[in-house]
Amino acid sequence: MTYSRQLFVVFGIAGAMLSLLLPGCTRLIGREETPPPPVVTPQAKEVAPKPEGPKVEQVGEASWYGAAQNGKETASGETFDQNRVQPRYM
């Protein structure tokens, strides 16, 4: 038997075995296929209730310090340094 004929026989047998074994890999043995999930229909939209009670409004003064105020005195009397981390409200 020639070498090419031997290869043909070996690959033929291997191909036949693969064609018999591979279809079994597509399903898990002992498990059933799961059905698709049910279709959910949208429900009516709920409207959020409006808040009751008086409207809250904050009144006061705010201060802001930028580059133009660098080196000047702040409302608390401290000298403002824009390169230093410091609390704004004390």
Protein backbone atom coordinates (compact mmCIF):
# COMPACT_ATOMS: atom_id res chain seq x y z
CA MET A 1 0.00 0.00 0.00
CA THR A 2 1.42 3.40 -0.95
CA TYR A 3 1.89 6.28 1.47
CA SER A 4 -0.77 8.42 -0.19
CA ARG A 5 -3.26 5.54 0.03
CA GLN A 6 -2.46 5.09 3.72
CA LEU A 7 -3.10 8.79 4.34
CA PHE A 8 -6.37 8.56 2.44
CA VAL A 9 -7.50 5.62 4.60
CA VAL A 10 -6.44 7.28 7.87
CA PHE A 11 -8.11 10.59 7.04
CA GLY A 12 -11.17 8.77 5.74
CA ILE A 13 -11.58 6.88 9.00
CA ALA A 14 -10.91 10.04 11.04
CA GLY A 15 -13.45 11.95 8.99
CA ALA A 16 -16.06 9.24 9.44
CA MET A 17 -15.49 9.21 13.22
CA LEU A 18 -15.74 12.99 13.43
CA SER A 19 -18.98 13.02 11.45
CA LEU A 20 -20.41 10.49 13.91
CA LEU A 21 -19.11 12.15 17.10
CA LEU A 22 -19.53 15.89 16.45
CA PRO A 23 -23.36 15.99 16.28
CA GLY A 24 -23.42 14.71 19.86
CA CYS A 25 -21.47 17.79 21.02
CA THR A 26 -24.26 20.18 20.11
CA ARG A 27 -26.56 19.07 22.96
CA LEU A 28 -25.79 18.50 26.59
CA ILE A 29 -26.58 14.94 27.62
CA GLY A 30 -29.34 14.68 30.22
CA ARG A 31 -30.51 18.29 29.90
CA GLU A 32 -33.52 19.59 28.06
CA GLU A 33 -33.46 22.73 25.99
CA THR A 34 -34.83 25.76 27.79
CA PRO A 35 -37.85 27.44 26.22
CA PRO A 36 -37.58 31.10 25.21
CA PRO A 37 -38.69 33.65 27.83
CA PRO A 38 -42.30 34.84 27.65
CA VAL A 39 -43.06 38.08 25.87
CA VAL A 40 -43.77 40.86 28.34
CA THR A 41 -46.33 43.46 27.36
CA PRO A 42 -45.73 47.00 28.61
CA GLN A 43 -47.87 48.12 31.52
CA ALA A 44 -49.56 51.50 31.89
CA LYS A 45 -47.13 54.23 32.90
CA GLU A 46 -47.43 55.36 36.48
CA VAL A 47 -47.45 59.08 37.06
CA ALA A 48 -45.38 60.24 40.02
CA PRO A 49 -47.42 62.23 42.52
CA LYS A 50 -46.57 65.90 42.81
CA PRO A 51 -44.91 66.83 46.08
CA GLU A 52 -47.16 68.57 48.52
CA GLY A 53 -46.18 71.30 50.91
CA PRO A 54 -44.50 74.66 50.69
CA LYS A 55 -41.75 75.35 48.19
CA VAL A 56 -38.36 75.66 49.92
CA GLU A 57 -36.21 78.58 48.88
CA GLN A 58 -32.77 79.36 50.26
CA VAL A 59 -31.81 82.99 50.65
CA GLY A 60 -28.35 84.25 51.52
CA GLU A 61 -25.12 85.72 50.27
CA ALA A 62 -22.40 83.77 48.54
CA SER A 63 -18.84 84.79 47.96
CA TRP A 64 -16.51 83.81 45.18
CA TYR A 65 -12.77 84.37 45.03
CA GLY A 66 -10.86 84.17 41.78
CA ALA A 67 -7.52 85.28 40.38
CA ALA A 68 -8.45 88.96 40.75
CA GLN A 69 -8.77 88.53 44.54
CA ASN A 70 -5.43 86.75 44.95
CA GLY A 71 -3.47 88.31 47.84
CA LYS A 72 -6.44 90.35 49.05
CA GLU A 73 -8.31 90.00 52.31
CA THR A 74 -11.28 87.59 52.38
CA ALA A 75 -14.58 88.08 54.21
CA SER A 76 -13.15 86.26 57.23
CA GLY A 77 -10.09 88.52 57.31
CA GLU A 78 -7.70 85.89 55.98
CA THR A 79 -5.46 86.66 52.99
CA PHE A 80 -6.64 84.76 49.91
CA ASP A 81 -4.09 82.50 48.21
CA GLN A 82 -5.49 80.83 45.09
CA ASN A 83 -2.74 78.19 45.08
CA ARG A 84 -3.57 76.93 48.59
CA VAL A 85 -6.46 74.59 49.32
CA GLN A 86 -8.74 76.19 51.88
CA PRO A 87 -12.36 75.87 52.98
CA ARG A 88 -14.72 78.39 51.44
CA TYR A 89 -17.41 78.47 54.14
CA MET A 90 -16.59 78.52 57.82
